[in-house]
């Protein structure tokens, strides 16, 4: 009995050492890929800002400050790329040096061999989601790139329709400060038998309040019945400033999943299907992008083993191809979600499902 217990402990220790060995092979390429992908995305962002600025030539200090404030979000975007690179290079190295073959001869299946990499992908996906929800919004709100819908921004003219109450609100500008309701300037409120113009208005939940308003009442034939100037005027209206979002830095980064959920409900109460789709797409893709780490880890490992005979460069090439396909598939389904053809939650995780299926099928064929 004692020998059996020692043998069990020894076997457990060997399994632990093997897992740590595989994770060490993964760690170096992963950190290198994270640094490289982060720098690449930051350079692309700076280049985009310079091209948009054009002849205005903003100070280099402002550009560098903006890049620094967006660094947390860029890092979360680069994490799936780093996971794919780390897994591909680790498995490719183990296969080329025949270490994977030796481990399989000892009775270790591929699923068990890749388990540390899969767990690492799942853990990094969870960390990435938490960082996207808690760490990323703080600099996105406070930094120079935080002047976007949701907190501390000033925007130009726009129109807010409420199809259920049949109210249309046009405005010349909008100011939003953290913790305060949006404030509109140069407001015109149009309803079937009334037009109200005002210098300013406040958007509270379910209520629009105007200041220094002029009320124009009309009959069914469009003839003016009455015109009054009142200090304040209110009407029930489910209006909210909801905007679509993309994968570019600064597009909704300052909003949490809960905030996008609130905006989706507000747009639904307002009866605006396009803005409901925009908010639903934003909130589900906000979760889907960070969790690509897990899907990339699951797909990259058997893919790298399958093509390991192509040489050491195959690991880099496979990781690049995996990320490229995943990224473009993600963008495609984002467009599909905004079009309303497929529910946003399905579109957001379709890429994950495709990568998982490819990984499981390859793993099954390699085990045969």
Protein backbone atom coordinates (compact mmCIF):
# COMPACT_ATOMS: atom_id res chain seq x y z
CA UNK A 1 0.00 0.00 0.00
CA UNK A 2 2.84 2.36 0.80
CA UNK A 3 4.54 1.72 -2.51
CA UNK A 4 1.27 2.29 -4.33
CA UNK A 5 0.82 5.62 -2.53
CA UNK A 6 4.36 6.71 -3.39
CA UNK A 7 3.82 5.70 -7.00
CA UNK A 8 0.65 7.75 -7.17
CA UNK A 9 2.34 10.78 -5.66
CA UNK A 10 5.29 10.39 -8.05
CA UNK A 11 2.97 10.17 -11.04
CA UNK A 12 1.07 13.26 -9.88
CA UNK A 13 4.35 15.11 -9.48
CA UNK A 14 5.44 14.14 -12.99
CA UNK A 15 2.13 15.36 -14.41
CA UNK A 16 2.56 18.65 -12.57
CA UNK A 17 6.08 19.10 -13.87
CA UNK A 18 4.91 18.33 -17.42
CA UNK A 19 2.17 20.94 -17.19
CA UNK A 20 4.60 23.52 -15.87
CA UNK A 21 7.02 22.65 -18.67
CA UNK A 22 4.35 23.17 -21.33
CA UNK A 23 3.29 26.46 -19.74
CA UNK A 24 6.92 27.67 -19.68
CA UNK A 25 7.12 26.97 -23.40
CA UNK A 26 3.98 29.06 -23.83
CA UNK A 27 4.93 31.96 -21.56
CA UNK A 28 7.87 33.38 -23.52
CA UNK A 29 6.17 33.60 -26.95
CA UNK A 30 2.99 34.84 -25.26
CA UNK A 31 4.71 37.79 -23.57
CA UNK A 32 6.62 38.60 -26.76
CA UNK A 33 3.41 38.46 -28.79
CA UNK A 34 1.58 40.66 -26.28
CA UNK A 35 4.30 43.31 -26.46
CA UNK A 36 4.55 43.14 -30.25
CA UNK A 37 0.78 43.24 -30.87
CA UNK A 38 0.29 46.09 -28.39
CA UNK A 39 3.00 48.19 -30.03
CA UNK A 40 1.63 47.44 -33.50
CA UNK A 41 -1.93 48.45 -32.60
CA UNK A 42 -0.69 51.59 -30.84
CA UNK A 43 1.36 52.59 -33.90
CA UNK A 44 -1.69 52.07 -36.13
CA UNK A 45 -3.80 54.21 -33.78
CA UNK A 46 -1.24 57.03 -33.77
CA UNK A 47 -1.03 56.86 -37.57
CA UNK A 48 -4.83 57.06 -37.80
CA UNK A 49 -4.92 60.09 -35.49
CA UNK A 50 -2.25 61.86 -37.54
CA UNK A 51 -4.10 61.20 -40.79
CA UNK A 52 -7.35 62.53 -39.28
CA UNK A 53 -5.61 65.61 -37.86
CA UNK A 54 -4.21 66.47 -41.28
CA UNK A 55 -2.85 69.99 -41.51
CA UNK A 56 -3.81 70.88 -37.90
CA UNK A 57 -0.62 69.18 -36.67
CA UNK A 58 -1.46 68.50 -33.01
CA UNK A 59 1.44 68.62 -30.51
CA UNK A 60 3.36 65.37 -30.30
CA UNK A 61 2.82 65.45 -26.54
CA UNK A 62 -0.96 65.27 -26.99
CA UNK A 63 -0.61 62.34 -29.39
CA UNK A 64 1.64 60.44 -26.99
CA UNK A 65 -0.70 61.20 -24.08
CA UNK A 66 -3.64 59.85 -26.06
CA UNK A 67 -1.67 56.68 -26.86
CA UNK A 68 -0.83 56.26 -23.17
CA UNK A 69 -4.47 56.62 -22.09
CA UNK A 70 -5.62 54.03 -24.63
CA UNK A 71 -2.87 51.55 -23.71
CA UNK A 72 -5.10 49.45 -21.38
CA UNK A 73 -7.71 48.90 -24.08
CA UNK A 74 -5.05 48.17 -26.69
CA UNK A 75 -3.54 45.54 -24.37
CA UNK A 76 -6.89 43.78 -23.99
CA UNK A 77 -7.31 43.79 -27.78
CA UNK A 78 -3.80 42.37 -28.24
CA UNK A 79 -4.30 39.53 -25.74
CA UNK A 80 -6.05 37.09 -28.16
CA UNK A 81 -3.24 37.68 -30.67
CA UNK A 82 -0.63 36.92 -28.00
CA UNK A 83 -2.43 33.74 -26.90
CA UNK A 84 -2.60 32.42 -30.47
CA UNK A 85 1.09 33.18 -31.01
CA UNK A 86 2.18 31.68 -27.69
CA UNK A 87 0.21 28.44 -28.15
CA UNK A 88 1.28 28.00 -31.78
CA UNK A 89 4.98 28.49 -31.08
CA UNK A 90 4.93 26.32 -27.94
CA UNK A 91 3.23 23.35 -29.66
CA UNK A 92 5.30 23.80 -32.80
CA UNK A 93 8.53 23.63 -30.77
CA UNK A 94 7.40 20.56 -28.82
CA UNK A 95 6.45 18.80 -32.06
CA UNK A 96 9.63 19.67 -34.00
CA UNK A 97 11.87 18.39 -31.18
CA UNK A 98 9.73 15.23 -30.93
CA UNK A 99 8.88 15.94 -27.30
CA UNK A 100 5.17 15.75 -28.08
CA UNK A 101 5.72 12.31 -29.66
CA UNK A 102 7.62 11.06 -26.61
CA UNK A 103 4.87 12.27 -24.27
CA UNK A 104 2.21 10.58 -26.39
CA UNK A 105 4.17 7.31 -26.25
CA UNK A 106 3.95 7.44 -22.46
CA UNK A 107 0.18 7.31 -22.73
CA UNK A 108 -0.56 11.03 -22.58
CA UNK A 109 -3.35 11.99 -24.99
CA UNK A 110 -3.28 15.19 -26.97
CA UNK A 111 -6.25 16.58 -25.09
CA UNK A 112 -4.37 16.09 -21.81
CA UNK A 113 -1.14 17.45 -23.29
CA UNK A 114 -2.89 20.61 -24.47
CA UNK A 115 -4.91 20.99 -21.27
CA UNK A 116 -2.52 23.53 -19.63
CA UNK A 117 -2.71 25.71 -22.76
CA UNK A 118 -6.50 25.47 -22.85
CA UNK A 119 -6.74 26.39 -19.16
CA UNK A 120 -4.33 29.28 -19.73
CA UNK A 121 -6.57 30.54 -22.55
CA UNK A 122 -9.66 30.31 -20.34
CA UNK A 123 -7.95 32.11 -17.45
CA UNK A 124 -6.65 34.87 -19.73
CA UNK A 125 -10.12 35.23 -21.26
CA UNK A 126 -11.59 35.74 -17.79
CA UNK A 127 -8.88 38.24 -16.85
CA UNK A 128 -9.44 40.05 -20.13
CA UNK A 129 -13.20 40.34 -19.51
CA UNK A 130 -12.64 41.72 -16.00
CA UNK A 131 -10.03 44.18 -17.31
CA UNK A 132 -12.36 45.32 -20.10
CA UNK A 133 -15.15 45.94 -17.60
CA UNK A 134 -13.14 47.55 -14.79
CA UNK A 135 -9.66 48.61 -15.86
CA UNK A 136 -10.23 49.84 -19.42
CA UNK A 137 -13.16 52.27 -18.79
CA UNK A 138 -11.23 54.39 -16.26
CA UNK A 139 -8.54 55.81 -18.59
CA UNK A 140 -11.00 55.78 -21.50
CA UNK A 141 -13.25 58.16 -19.55
CA UNK A 142 -10.54 60.39 -18.10
CA UNK A 143 -8.06 60.55 -20.95
CA UNK A 144 -8.12 62.65 -24.11
CA UNK A 145 -9.88 59.81 -25.97
CA UNK A 146 -12.74 59.88 -23.49
CA UNK A 147 -14.67 62.55 -25.37
CA UNK A 148 -17.20 60.09 -26.72
CA UNK A 149 -20.80 59.26 -26.04
CA UNK A 150 -21.50 58.40 -22.43
CA UNK A 151 -19.25 60.60 -20.28
CA UNK A 152 -17.80 64.07 -20.45
CA UNK A 153 -18.34 64.89 -24.09
CA UNK A 154 -19.59 67.67 -26.30
CA UNK A 155 -21.18 66.77 -29.63
CA UNK A 156 -22.87 68.56 -32.50
CA UNK A 157 -26.35 68.47 -33.96
CA UNK A 158 -28.52 65.38 -33.91
CA UNK A 159 -32.04 63.97 -33.90
CA UNK A 160 -33.71 61.73 -31.30
CA UNK A 161 -36.96 60.04 -32.40
CA UNK A 162 -39.45 58.36 -30.06
CA UNK A 163 -41.74 56.27 -32.26
CA UNK A 164 -44.00 55.22 -29.41
CA UNK A 165 -44.92 58.70 -28.17
CA UNK A 166 -44.56 60.12 -31.71
CA UNK A 167 -42.10 62.79 -30.61
CA UNK A 168 -39.06 63.95 -32.57
CA UNK A 169 -36.35 65.98 -30.83
CA UNK A 170 -33.81 67.87 -32.89
CA UNK A 171 -30.92 69.69 -31.23
CA UNK A 172 -27.93 71.81 -32.21
CA UNK A 173 -25.55 70.44 -29.56
CA UNK A 174 -25.32 68.16 -26.55
CA UNK A 175 -23.25 68.25 -23.37
CA UNK A 176 -22.83 65.21 -21.12
CA UNK A 177 -21.00 65.26 -17.81
CA UNK A 178 -20.43 62.26 -15.52
CA UNK A 179 -23.32 61.71 -13.12
CA UNK A 180 -25.55 64.32 -14.77
CA UNK A 181 -28.37 63.98 -17.32
CA UNK A 182 -27.51 65.02 -20.90
CA UNK A 183 -28.17 68.69 -21.68
CA UNK A 184 -29.26 69.70 -25.18
CA UNK A 185 -28.97 73.15 -26.75
CA UNK A 186 -30.99 74.67 -29.61
CA UNK A 187 -33.88 72.24 -29.16
CA UNK A 188 -36.95 71.69 -31.34
CA UNK A 189 -39.57 69.16 -30.18
CA UNK A 190 -41.96 68.07 -32.93
CA UNK A 191 -45.20 66.15 -32.25
CA UNK A 192 -48.33 65.68 -34.45
CA UNK A 193 -50.09 68.88 -33.23
CA UNK A 194 -47.36 70.82 -31.52
CA UNK A 195 -43.88 72.23 -32.06
CA UNK A 196 -41.81 73.46 -29.13
CA UNK A 197 -38.57 75.38 -29.55
CA UNK A 198 -36.25 76.03 -26.63
CA UNK A 199 -32.77 77.29 -25.93
CA UNK A 200 -31.91 74.21 -23.86
CA UNK A 201 -33.36 70.96 -22.54
CA UNK A 202 -32.48 68.20 -20.07
CA UNK A 203 -32.86 64.50 -20.86
CA UNK A 204 -33.98 62.68 -17.71
CA UNK A 205 -35.17 59.04 -17.87
CA UNK A 206 -38.61 59.10 -19.51
CA UNK A 207 -38.88 62.89 -19.38
CA UNK A 208 -37.69 65.82 -21.51
CA UNK A 209 -37.57 69.20 -19.75
CA UNK A 210 -36.96 72.41 -21.70
CA UNK A 211 -35.99 75.92 -20.58
CA UNK A 212 -37.17 79.19 -22.12
CA UNK A 213 -39.56 77.38 -24.45
CA UNK A 214 -41.92 78.68 -27.11
CA UNK A 215 -44.97 76.42 -27.70
CA UNK A 216 -46.75 76.36 -31.07
CA UNK A 217 -50.11 74.50 -31.14
CA UNK A 218 -51.74 73.46 -34.44
CA UNK A 219 -55.10 72.01 -35.40
CA UNK A 220 -55.69 69.03 -37.69
CA UNK A 221 -55.37 71.25 -40.78
CA UNK A 222 -52.01 72.68 -39.71
CA UNK A 223 -53.33 76.10 -38.72
CA UNK A 224 -51.69 77.81 -35.76
CA UNK A 225 -54.06 77.80 -32.80
CA UNK A 226 -51.86 79.22 -30.06
CA UNK A 227 -48.34 80.43 -29.40
CA UNK A 228 -47.02 80.83 -25.87
CA UNK A 229 -43.62 81.39 -24.30
CA UNK A 230 -43.12 79.48 -21.05
CA UNK A 231 -40.10 79.29 -18.69
CA UNK A 232 -40.20 75.50 -18.56
CA UNK A 233 -42.01 72.81 -20.56
CA UNK A 234 -41.99 69.04 -20.08
CA UNK A 235 -43.13 66.01 -22.04
CA UNK A 236 -42.91 62.26 -21.57
CA UNK A 237 -40.36 60.79 -23.96
CA UNK A 238 -38.11 57.75 -23.80
CA UNK A 239 -35.00 59.28 -25.32
CA UNK A 240 -31.41 58.25 -24.83
CA UNK A 241 -28.10 58.94 -26.51
CA UNK A 242 -27.23 55.52 -27.90
CA UNK A 243 -24.65 55.06 -30.61
CA UNK A 244 -23.20 52.13 -32.53
CA UNK A 245 -19.69 51.00 -31.70
CA UNK A 246 -16.82 49.35 -33.51
CA UNK A 247 -13.49 47.76 -32.63
CA UNK A 248 -11.52 50.99 -32.90
CA UNK A 249 -9.96 52.34 -29.72
CA UNK A 250 -12.29 54.83 -28.07
CA UNK A 251 -15.47 53.33 -29.56
CA UNK A 252 -17.49 52.50 -26.48
CA UNK A 253 -14.47 51.56 -24.38
CA UNK A 254 -15.66 53.82 -21.57
CA UNK A 255 -18.99 51.98 -21.32
CA UNK A 256 -19.48 48.83 -19.27
CA UNK A 257 -21.66 45.86 -20.17
CA UNK A 258 -24.28 47.11 -17.69
CA UNK A 259 -24.30 50.57 -19.27
CA UNK A 260 -24.82 49.15 -22.76
CA UNK A 261 -27.63 47.01 -21.33
CA UNK A 262 -29.29 50.14 -19.94
CA UNK A 263 -28.94 51.88 -23.28
CA UNK A 264 -30.45 48.91 -25.11
CA UNK A 265 -33.47 48.96 -22.80
CA UNK A 266 -33.83 52.72 -23.20
CA UNK A 267 -33.74 52.43 -26.98
CA UNK A 268 -36.26 49.58 -26.82
CA UNK A 269 -38.62 51.69 -24.74
CA UNK A 270 -38.12 54.45 -27.28
CA UNK A 271 -39.13 52.07 -30.08
CA UNK A 272 -35.94 52.65 -32.09
CA UNK A 273 -34.93 49.25 -33.48
CA UNK A 274 -31.74 50.49 -35.14
CA UNK A 275 -30.38 51.85 -31.88
CA UNK A 276 -31.48 48.75 -30.00
CA UNK A 277 -29.38 46.67 -32.40
CA UNK A 278 -26.46 49.11 -31.99
CA UNK A 279 -26.53 48.86 -28.20
CA UNK A 280 -27.11 45.09 -28.17
CA UNK A 281 -24.24 44.60 -30.63
CA UNK A 282 -21.97 46.83 -28.55
CA UNK A 283 -22.62 45.03 -25.28
CA UNK A 284 -22.27 41.46 -26.57
CA UNK A 285 -19.22 42.16 -28.72
CA UNK A 286 -17.67 43.92 -25.73
CA UNK A 287 -17.65 40.52 -24.00
CA UNK A 288 -16.96 38.43 -27.10
CA UNK A 289 -13.71 40.10 -28.16
CA UNK A 290 -11.81 39.49 -24.88
CA UNK A 291 -13.01 35.89 -24.65
CA UNK A 292 -11.48 35.06 -28.02
CA UNK A 293 -8.40 34.11 -25.98
CA UNK A 294 -10.01 30.79 -25.04
CA UNK A 295 -11.14 29.97 -28.59
CA UNK A 296 -7.73 30.86 -30.04
CA UNK A 297 -5.96 28.61 -27.53
CA UNK A 298 -8.27 25.70 -28.29
CA UNK A 299 -7.86 26.04 -32.07
CA UNK A 300 -4.17 27.00 -32.32
CA UNK A 301 -2.76 23.96 -30.47
CA UNK A 302 -3.98 21.14 -32.79
CA UNK A 303 -3.48 23.39 -35.81
CA UNK A 304 0.18 23.97 -34.91
CA UNK A 305 0.73 20.25 -34.32
CA UNK A 306 -0.89 19.36 -37.62
CA UNK A 307 1.49 21.59 -39.61
CA UNK A 308 4.58 21.29 -37.39
CA UNK A 309 6.58 19.55 -40.15
CA UNK A 310 6.59 22.78 -42.15
CA UNK A 311 9.27 24.19 -39.84
CA UNK A 312 9.62 26.72 -37.05
CA UNK A 313 8.16 29.55 -39.07
CA UNK A 314 4.90 27.61 -39.36
CA UNK A 315 4.01 28.48 -35.77
CA UNK A 316 4.20 32.20 -36.46
CA UNK A 317 2.36 31.88 -39.75
CA UNK A 318 -0.43 29.76 -38.24
CA UNK A 319 -0.98 32.19 -35.35
CA UNK A 320 -1.17 35.12 -37.78
CA UNK A 321 -3.61 33.25 -40.02
CA UNK A 322 -5.74 32.20 -37.02
CA UNK A 323 -5.98 35.74 -35.70
CA UNK A 324 -6.59 37.21 -39.16
CA UNK A 325 -9.46 34.82 -39.86
CA UNK A 326 -10.94 35.26 -36.37
CA UNK A 327 -10.71 39.06 -36.54
CA UNK A 328 -12.33 39.36 -39.95
CA UNK A 329 -15.02 36.83 -39.08
CA UNK A 330 -15.72 38.85 -35.95
CA UNK A 331 -16.03 42.07 -37.97
CA UNK A 332 -18.28 40.36 -40.51
CA UNK A 333 -20.68 39.12 -37.87
CA UNK A 334 -20.68 42.53 -36.21
CA UNK A 335 -22.00 43.97 -39.48
CA UNK A 336 -24.54 41.14 -39.68
CA UNK A 337 -25.66 41.91 -36.12
CA UNK A 338 -26.11 45.61 -36.86
CA UNK A 339 -28.16 44.65 -39.91
CA UNK A 340 -30.56 42.72 -37.70
CA UNK A 341 -30.43 39.45 -39.67
CA UNK A 342 -29.14 37.36 -36.73
CA UNK A 343 -29.48 38.13 -32.98
CA UNK A 344 -26.44 40.05 -31.65
CA UNK A 345 -25.64 37.47 -28.95
CA UNK A 346 -25.42 34.75 -31.61
CA UNK A 347 -23.27 36.88 -33.92
CA UNK A 348 -20.93 37.84 -31.07
CA UNK A 349 -19.98 34.24 -30.27
CA UNK A 350 -20.17 32.65 -33.72
CA UNK A 351 -16.42 33.12 -34.20
CA UNK A 352 -15.79 31.33 -30.90
CA UNK A 353 -17.98 28.43 -32.03
CA UNK A 354 -16.21 28.16 -35.40
CA UNK A 355 -12.73 28.15 -33.84
CA UNK A 356 -13.83 25.61 -31.25
CA UNK A 357 -15.26 23.28 -33.88
CA UNK A 358 -12.08 23.51 -35.97
CA UNK A 359 -9.95 22.77 -32.90
CA UNK A 360 -12.06 19.81 -31.75
CA UNK A 361 -12.19 18.25 -35.23
CA UNK A 362 -8.41 18.61 -35.71
CA UNK A 363 -7.80 17.17 -32.26
CA UNK A 364 -10.06 14.20 -33.00
CA UNK A 365 -8.32 13.49 -36.31
CA UNK A 366 -4.84 13.74 -34.76
CA UNK A 367 -5.81 11.33 -31.99
CA UNK A 368 -6.92 8.69 -34.50
